[in-house]
Amino acid sequence: MSDAESVDSAEDAVEAKLQAFVDAIEDSETYQQFAEASQRLEADQEAMELLETYQQKQQQLQENFDQELMAELQDLQSDLSNNETIQQHRAAQSELIELLQETNDVISEPIGMEFAQSSGGGCC
């Protein structure tokens, strides 16, 4: 086997293991709960409207700070906090982020660098 064939074979093995890893994440209870919470959120018109309004108000506040707008944002934050669908989605999202951070730590340790940063997945 030539060096090029050996490299190709190793890369194929890495890709196969990567796909198995992705499949394991997608099969995890944590990911399934997040996916279900995301579907419920997308199906909840009231929750989606609240989120959209909140994002619009945030954008407006960034463009032009206004005390009245700030009060509206605070009211919307309260509404978001009281919306069960949004809270379930946030909780499921937090659990998934925690799982992904744990997997990042497991990958990072043996390679001696922060995997998520070195892979180009982050902004910083």
N, C-alpha and C. Protein backbone atom coordinates (compact mmCIF):
# COMPACT_ATOMS: atom_id res chain seq x y z
N MET A 1 0.85 -1.18 0.00
CA MET A 1 0.00 0.00 0.00
C MET A 1 0.89 1.24 0.00
N SER A 2 0.62 2.18 -0.88
CA SER A 2 1.41 3.40 -0.96
C SER A 2 1.04 4.34 0.19
N ASP A 3 1.89 5.35 0.38
CA ASP A 3 1.62 6.34 1.43
C ASP A 3 0.30 7.05 1.17
N ALA A 4 0.01 7.37 -0.08
CA ALA A 4 -1.23 8.06 -0.43
C ALA A 4 -2.44 7.18 -0.12
N GLU A 5 -2.33 5.88 -0.42
CA GLU A 5 -3.43 4.97 -0.13
C GLU A 5 -3.63 4.82 1.37
N SER A 6 -2.52 4.81 2.10
CA SER A 6 -2.58 4.71 3.55
C SER A 6 -3.28 5.93 4.16
N VAL A 7 -2.95 7.12 3.65
CA VAL A 7 -3.58 8.36 4.13
C VAL A 7 -5.07 8.33 3.80
N ASP A 8 -5.41 7.92 2.57
CA ASP A 8 -6.82 7.85 2.18
C ASP A 8 -7.58 6.88 3.07
N SER A 9 -6.96 5.74 3.36
CA SER A 9 -7.59 4.74 4.21
C SER A 9 -7.81 5.29 5.62
N ALA A 10 -6.82 5.99 6.16
CA ALA A 10 -6.95 6.58 7.49
C ALA A 10 -8.04 7.65 7.51
N GLU A 11 -8.09 8.47 6.46
CA GLU A 11 -9.12 9.50 6.38
C GLU A 11 -10.51 8.88 6.26
N ASP A 12 -10.62 7.79 5.51
CA ASP A 12 -11.90 7.10 5.40
C ASP A 12 -12.34 6.56 6.77
N ALA A 13 -11.38 6.03 7.52
CA ALA A 13 -11.69 5.51 8.85
C ALA A 13 -12.15 6.63 9.78
N VAL A 14 -11.47 7.78 9.70
CA VAL A 14 -11.87 8.93 10.52
C VAL A 14 -13.27 9.38 10.15
N GLU A 15 -13.55 9.48 8.85
CA GLU A 15 -14.88 9.91 8.42
C GLU A 15 -15.96 8.93 8.86
N ALA A 16 -15.67 7.64 8.82
CA ALA A 16 -16.65 6.63 9.27
C ALA A 16 -16.90 6.77 10.76
N LYS A 17 -15.85 6.99 11.52
CA LYS A 17 -16.02 7.17 12.97
C LYS A 17 -16.72 8.48 13.29
N LEU A 18 -16.44 9.50 12.52
CA LEU A 18 -17.12 10.78 12.69
C LEU A 18 -18.62 10.61 12.44
N GLN A 19 -18.97 9.89 11.40
CA GLN A 19 -20.39 9.66 11.12
C GLN A 19 -21.05 8.87 12.24
N ALA A 20 -20.33 7.88 12.78
CA ALA A 20 -20.86 7.11 13.91
C ALA A 20 -21.06 8.02 15.13
N PHE A 21 -20.13 8.95 15.33
CA PHE A 21 -20.24 9.91 16.43
C PHE A 21 -21.47 10.80 16.24
N VAL A 22 -21.65 11.33 15.03
CA VAL A 22 -22.81 12.18 14.73
C VAL A 22 -24.10 11.39 14.95
N ASP A 23 -24.12 10.15 14.49
CA ASP A 23 -25.30 9.30 14.68
C ASP A 23 -25.58 9.09 16.16
N ALA A 24 -24.52 8.88 16.95
CA ALA A 24 -24.70 8.68 18.39
C ALA A 24 -25.27 9.93 19.05
N ILE A 25 -24.80 11.10 18.65
CA ILE A 25 -25.35 12.35 19.19
C ILE A 25 -26.83 12.45 18.83
N GLU A 26 -27.15 12.22 17.54
CA GLU A 26 -28.53 12.33 17.10
C GLU A 26 -29.44 11.30 17.77
N ASP A 27 -28.89 10.17 18.16
CA ASP A 27 -29.68 9.13 18.84
C ASP A 27 -29.79 9.37 20.34
N SER A 28 -29.01 10.31 20.86
CA SER A 28 -29.02 10.54 22.31
C SER A 28 -30.35 11.12 22.76
N GLU A 29 -30.71 10.81 23.99
CA GLU A 29 -31.94 11.34 24.56
C GLU A 29 -31.90 12.86 24.62
N THR A 30 -30.73 13.41 24.92
CA THR A 30 -30.57 14.86 25.02
C THR A 30 -30.88 15.53 23.68
N TYR A 31 -30.34 14.99 22.60
CA TYR A 31 -30.60 15.56 21.27
C TYR A 31 -32.07 15.37 20.89
N GLN A 32 -32.62 14.21 21.19
CA GLN A 32 -34.03 13.95 20.86
C GLN A 32 -34.95 14.93 21.59
N GLN A 33 -34.65 15.20 22.85
CA GLN A 33 -35.46 16.15 23.61
C GLN A 33 -35.35 17.54 23.02
N PHE A 34 -34.14 17.92 22.58
CA PHE A 34 -33.96 19.22 21.94
C PHE A 34 -34.74 19.29 20.63
N ALA A 35 -34.66 18.26 19.82
CA ALA A 35 -35.37 18.25 18.54
C ALA A 35 -36.89 18.35 18.75
N GLU A 36 -37.39 17.62 19.74
CA GLU A 36 -38.83 17.67 20.04
C GLU A 36 -39.22 19.05 20.56
N ALA A 37 -38.40 19.63 21.42
CA ALA A 37 -38.68 20.97 21.95
C ALA A 37 -38.65 22.00 20.83
N SER A 38 -37.74 21.83 19.87
CA SER A 38 -37.67 22.75 18.73
C SER A 38 -38.92 22.65 17.87
N GLN A 39 -39.40 21.44 17.66
CA GLN A 39 -40.63 21.26 16.88
C GLN A 39 -41.82 21.89 17.59
N ARG A 40 -41.90 21.69 18.91
CA ARG A 40 -43.00 22.30 19.67
C ARG A 40 -42.92 23.82 19.61
N LEU A 41 -41.71 24.36 19.69
CA LEU A 41 -41.54 25.80 19.63
C LEU A 41 -41.98 26.33 18.27
N GLU A 42 -41.55 25.69 17.20
CA GLU A 42 -41.92 26.14 15.86
C GLU A 42 -43.43 26.04 15.61
N ALA A 43 -44.08 25.11 16.30
CA ALA A 43 -45.52 24.92 16.14
C ALA A 43 -46.34 25.86 17.03
N ASP A 44 -45.68 26.50 17.98
CA ASP A 44 -46.37 27.38 18.93
C ASP A 44 -46.33 28.81 18.40
N GLN A 45 -47.40 29.23 17.76
CA GLN A 45 -47.44 30.54 17.12
C GLN A 45 -47.23 31.67 18.13
N GLU A 46 -47.84 31.56 19.29
CA GLU A 46 -47.69 32.60 20.30
C GLU A 46 -46.23 32.74 20.73
N ALA A 47 -45.56 31.62 20.97
CA ALA A 47 -44.15 31.65 21.38
C ALA A 47 -43.28 32.23 20.28
N MET A 48 -43.55 31.84 19.05
CA MET A 48 -42.75 32.34 17.93
C MET A 48 -42.93 33.85 17.75
N GLU A 49 -44.16 34.32 17.91
CA GLU A 49 -44.42 35.75 17.81
C GLU A 49 -43.73 36.52 18.93
N LEU A 50 -43.74 35.95 20.14
CA LEU A 50 -43.04 36.58 21.26
C LEU A 50 -41.54 36.71 20.97
N LEU A 51 -40.95 35.63 20.47
CA LEU A 51 -39.53 35.65 20.16
C LEU A 51 -39.21 36.65 19.05
N GLU A 52 -40.05 36.68 18.04
CA GLU A 52 -39.83 37.60 16.93
C GLU A 52 -39.94 39.05 17.40
N THR A 53 -40.97 39.33 18.20
CA THR A 53 -41.16 40.69 18.72
C THR A 53 -39.98 41.08 19.60
N TYR A 54 -39.54 40.16 20.43
CA TYR A 54 -38.40 40.44 21.31
C TYR A 54 -37.15 40.77 20.49
N GLN A 55 -36.89 39.98 19.46
CA GLN A 55 -35.71 40.23 18.62
C GLN A 55 -35.81 41.57 17.90
N GLN A 56 -37.01 41.91 17.44
CA GLN A 56 -37.19 43.20 16.78
C GLN A 56 -36.93 44.36 17.74
N LYS A 57 -37.46 44.23 18.94
CA LYS A 57 -37.28 45.29 19.95
C LYS A 57 -35.80 45.40 20.34
N GLN A 58 -35.12 44.27 20.45
CA GLN A 58 -33.69 44.30 20.75
C GLN A 58 -32.93 45.05 19.67
N GLN A 59 -33.27 44.77 18.43
CA GLN A 59 -32.61 45.43 17.30
C GLN A 59 -32.87 46.93 17.35
N GLN A 60 -34.13 47.30 17.62
CA GLN A 60 -34.47 48.72 17.70
C GLN A 60 -33.69 49.40 18.82
N LEU A 61 -33.56 48.70 19.94
CA LEU A 61 -32.85 49.27 21.09
C LEU A 61 -31.37 49.46 20.77
N GLN A 62 -30.80 48.56 20.01
CA GLN A 62 -29.39 48.69 19.63
C GLN A 62 -29.19 49.88 18.70
N GLU A 63 -30.17 50.15 17.87
CA GLU A 63 -30.07 51.26 16.93
C GLU A 63 -30.30 52.60 17.60
N ASN A 64 -31.20 52.62 18.58
CA ASN A 64 -31.54 53.87 19.23
C ASN A 64 -32.05 53.58 20.64
N PHE A 65 -31.21 53.80 21.64
CA PHE A 65 -31.61 53.53 23.02
C PHE A 65 -32.75 54.45 23.42
N ASP A 66 -33.77 53.84 24.00
CA ASP A 66 -34.96 54.58 24.40
C ASP A 66 -35.50 53.91 25.67
N GLN A 67 -35.79 54.68 26.68
CA GLN A 67 -36.25 54.14 27.96
C GLN A 67 -37.58 53.39 27.81
N GLU A 68 -38.47 53.91 27.00
CA GLU A 68 -39.76 53.25 26.78
C GLU A 68 -39.55 51.89 26.11
N LEU A 69 -38.67 51.86 25.14
CA LEU A 69 -38.36 50.61 24.44
C LEU A 69 -37.72 49.61 25.41
N MET A 70 -36.89 50.11 26.30
CA MET A 70 -36.27 49.25 27.30
C MET A 70 -37.33 48.64 28.21
N ALA A 71 -38.33 49.41 28.58
CA ALA A 71 -39.42 48.90 29.41
C ALA A 71 -40.20 47.83 28.67
N GLU A 72 -40.44 48.04 27.37
CA GLU A 72 -41.14 47.04 26.55
C GLU A 72 -40.34 45.75 26.50
N LEU A 73 -39.03 45.87 26.35
CA LEU A 73 -38.16 44.70 26.31
C LEU A 73 -38.22 43.93 27.63
N GLN A 74 -38.25 44.65 28.74
CA GLN A 74 -38.33 43.99 30.03
C GLN A 74 -39.66 43.25 30.19
N ASP A 75 -40.74 43.86 29.71
CA ASP A 75 -42.04 43.18 29.74
C ASP A 75 -42.02 41.92 28.88
N LEU A 76 -41.39 42.04 27.70
CA LEU A 76 -41.29 40.89 26.81
C LEU A 76 -40.43 39.79 27.43
N GLN A 77 -39.36 40.17 28.13
CA GLN A 77 -38.53 39.17 28.80
C GLN A 77 -39.34 38.41 29.83
N SER A 78 -40.20 39.11 30.52
CA SER A 78 -41.07 38.46 31.50
C SER A 78 -42.01 37.49 30.80
N ASP A 79 -42.58 37.92 29.68
CA ASP A 79 -43.46 37.05 28.92
C ASP A 79 -42.72 35.81 28.41
N LEU A 80 -41.49 36.00 27.95
CA LEU A 80 -40.68 34.88 27.48
C LEU A 80 -40.42 33.90 28.62
N SER A 81 -40.12 34.44 29.79
CA SER A 81 -39.83 33.60 30.95
C SER A 81 -41.05 32.82 31.42
N ASN A 82 -42.23 33.36 31.15
CA ASN A 82 -43.46 32.71 31.58
C ASN A 82 -44.04 31.77 30.52
N ASN A 83 -43.44 31.75 29.35
CA ASN A 83 -43.95 30.89 28.27
C ASN A 83 -43.32 29.50 28.41
N GLU A 84 -44.16 28.52 28.67
CA GLU A 84 -43.69 27.15 28.93
C GLU A 84 -42.94 26.55 27.74
N THR A 85 -43.43 26.77 26.54
CA THR A 85 -42.79 26.22 25.35
C THR A 85 -41.38 26.77 25.20
N ILE A 86 -41.23 28.07 25.39
CA ILE A 86 -39.91 28.70 25.27
C ILE A 86 -38.99 28.19 26.36
N GLN A 87 -39.49 28.07 27.57
CA GLN A 87 -38.66 27.59 28.67
C GLN A 87 -38.22 26.14 28.46
N GLN A 88 -39.12 25.31 27.95
CA GLN A 88 -38.75 23.92 27.66
C GLN A 88 -37.68 23.87 26.57
N HIS A 89 -37.80 24.73 25.56
CA HIS A 89 -36.81 24.76 24.50
C HIS A 89 -35.46 25.23 25.05
N ARG A 90 -35.47 26.26 25.86
CA ARG A 90 -34.22 26.77 26.44
C ARG A 90 -33.55 25.71 27.31
N ALA A 91 -34.34 24.99 28.09
CA ALA A 91 -33.78 23.95 28.96
C ALA A 91 -33.17 22.83 28.11
N ALA A 92 -33.89 22.41 27.07
CA ALA A 92 -33.37 21.35 26.20
C ALA A 92 -32.12 21.82 25.46
N GLN A 93 -32.11 23.07 25.05
CA GLN A 93 -30.95 23.64 24.37
C GLN A 93 -29.75 23.67 25.31
N SER A 94 -29.96 24.05 26.55
CA SER A 94 -28.87 24.08 27.53
C SER A 94 -28.30 22.69 27.76
N GLU A 95 -29.16 21.70 27.84
CA GLU A 95 -28.71 20.32 28.02
C GLU A 95 -27.88 19.85 26.82
N LEU A 96 -28.32 20.19 25.62
CA LEU A 96 -27.57 19.81 24.42
C LEU A 96 -26.22 20.51 24.38
N ILE A 97 -26.20 21.79 24.72
CA ILE A 97 -24.93 22.52 24.75
C ILE A 97 -23.98 21.88 25.75
N GLU A 98 -24.50 21.49 26.89
CA GLU A 98 -23.65 20.84 27.90
C GLU A 98 -23.08 19.52 27.36
N LEU A 99 -23.90 18.73 26.69
CA LEU A 99 -23.43 17.48 26.09
C LEU A 99 -22.34 17.75 25.06
N LEU A 100 -22.55 18.75 24.21
CA LEU A 100 -21.57 19.06 23.18
C LEU A 100 -20.28 19.61 23.78
N GLN A 101 -20.38 20.36 24.86
CA GLN A 101 -19.18 20.85 25.53
C GLN A 101 -18.39 19.68 26.14
N GLU A 102 -19.13 18.71 26.68
CA GLU A 102 -18.46 17.53 27.23
C GLU A 102 -17.74 16.75 26.12
N THR A 103 -18.40 16.60 24.98
CA THR A 103 -17.74 15.88 23.88
C THR A 103 -16.54 16.67 23.38
N ASN A 104 -16.64 17.99 23.36
CA ASN A 104 -15.50 18.82 22.96
C ASN A 104 -14.33 18.58 23.92
N ASP A 105 -14.62 18.51 25.21
CA ASP A 105 -13.56 18.28 26.19
C ASP A 105 -12.88 16.93 25.97
N VAL A 106 -13.68 15.92 25.68
CA VAL A 106 -13.14 14.57 25.46
C VAL A 106 -12.24 14.55 24.22
N ILE A 107 -12.64 15.26 23.19
CA ILE A 107 -11.83 15.33 21.96
C ILE A 107 -10.61 16.20 22.17
N SER A 108 -10.76 17.31 22.88
CA SER A 108 -9.69 18.28 23.05
C SER A 108 -8.51 17.73 23.86
N GLU A 109 -8.81 16.97 24.88
CA GLU A 109 -7.74 16.51 25.78
C GLU A 109 -6.65 15.72 25.05
N PRO A 110 -6.99 14.69 24.28
CA PRO A 110 -5.90 13.92 23.65
C PRO A 110 -5.15 14.67 22.54
N ILE A 111 -5.80 15.66 21.91
CA ILE A 111 -5.10 16.37 20.84
C ILE A 111 -4.36 17.59 21.37
N GLY A 112 -4.56 17.92 22.65
CA GLY A 112 -3.80 18.98 23.28
C GLY A 112 -4.18 20.38 22.86
N MET A 113 -5.38 20.56 22.33
CA MET A 113 -5.86 21.90 21.99
C MET A 113 -7.38 21.90 22.04
N GLU A 114 -7.95 23.08 22.11
CA GLU A 114 -9.40 23.22 22.15
C GLU A 114 -9.97 22.88 20.78
N PHE A 115 -10.59 21.72 20.67
CA PHE A 115 -11.07 21.21 19.38
C PHE A 115 -12.04 22.17 18.70
N ALA A 116 -13.04 22.66 19.42
CA ALA A 116 -14.06 23.52 18.80
C ALA A 116 -13.45 24.77 18.20
N GLN A 117 -12.44 25.32 18.84
CA GLN A 117 -11.78 26.51 18.30
C GLN A 117 -10.91 26.15 17.10
N SER A 118 -10.22 25.02 17.17
CA SER A 118 -9.29 24.67 16.09
C SER A 118 -10.03 24.19 14.86
N SER A 119 -11.27 23.78 15.00
CA SER A 119 -12.02 23.26 13.86
C SER A 119 -12.69 24.37 13.03
N GLY A 120 -12.58 25.60 13.49
CA GLY A 120 -13.19 26.70 12.75
C GLY A 120 -14.66 26.85 13.06
N GLY A 121 -15.16 26.11 14.06
CA GLY A 121 -16.57 26.19 14.38
C GLY A 121 -16.96 27.41 15.19
N GLY A 122 -16.00 28.05 15.81
CA GLY A 122 -16.32 29.20 16.65
C GLY A 122 -15.96 30.50 15.98
N CYS A 123 -16.40 31.56 16.57
CA CYS A 123 -16.14 32.88 16.01
C CYS A 123 -14.81 33.44 16.47
N CYS A 124 -14.27 32.89 17.54
CA CYS A 124 -13.07 33.49 18.15
C CYS A 124 -11.88 32.55 18.17
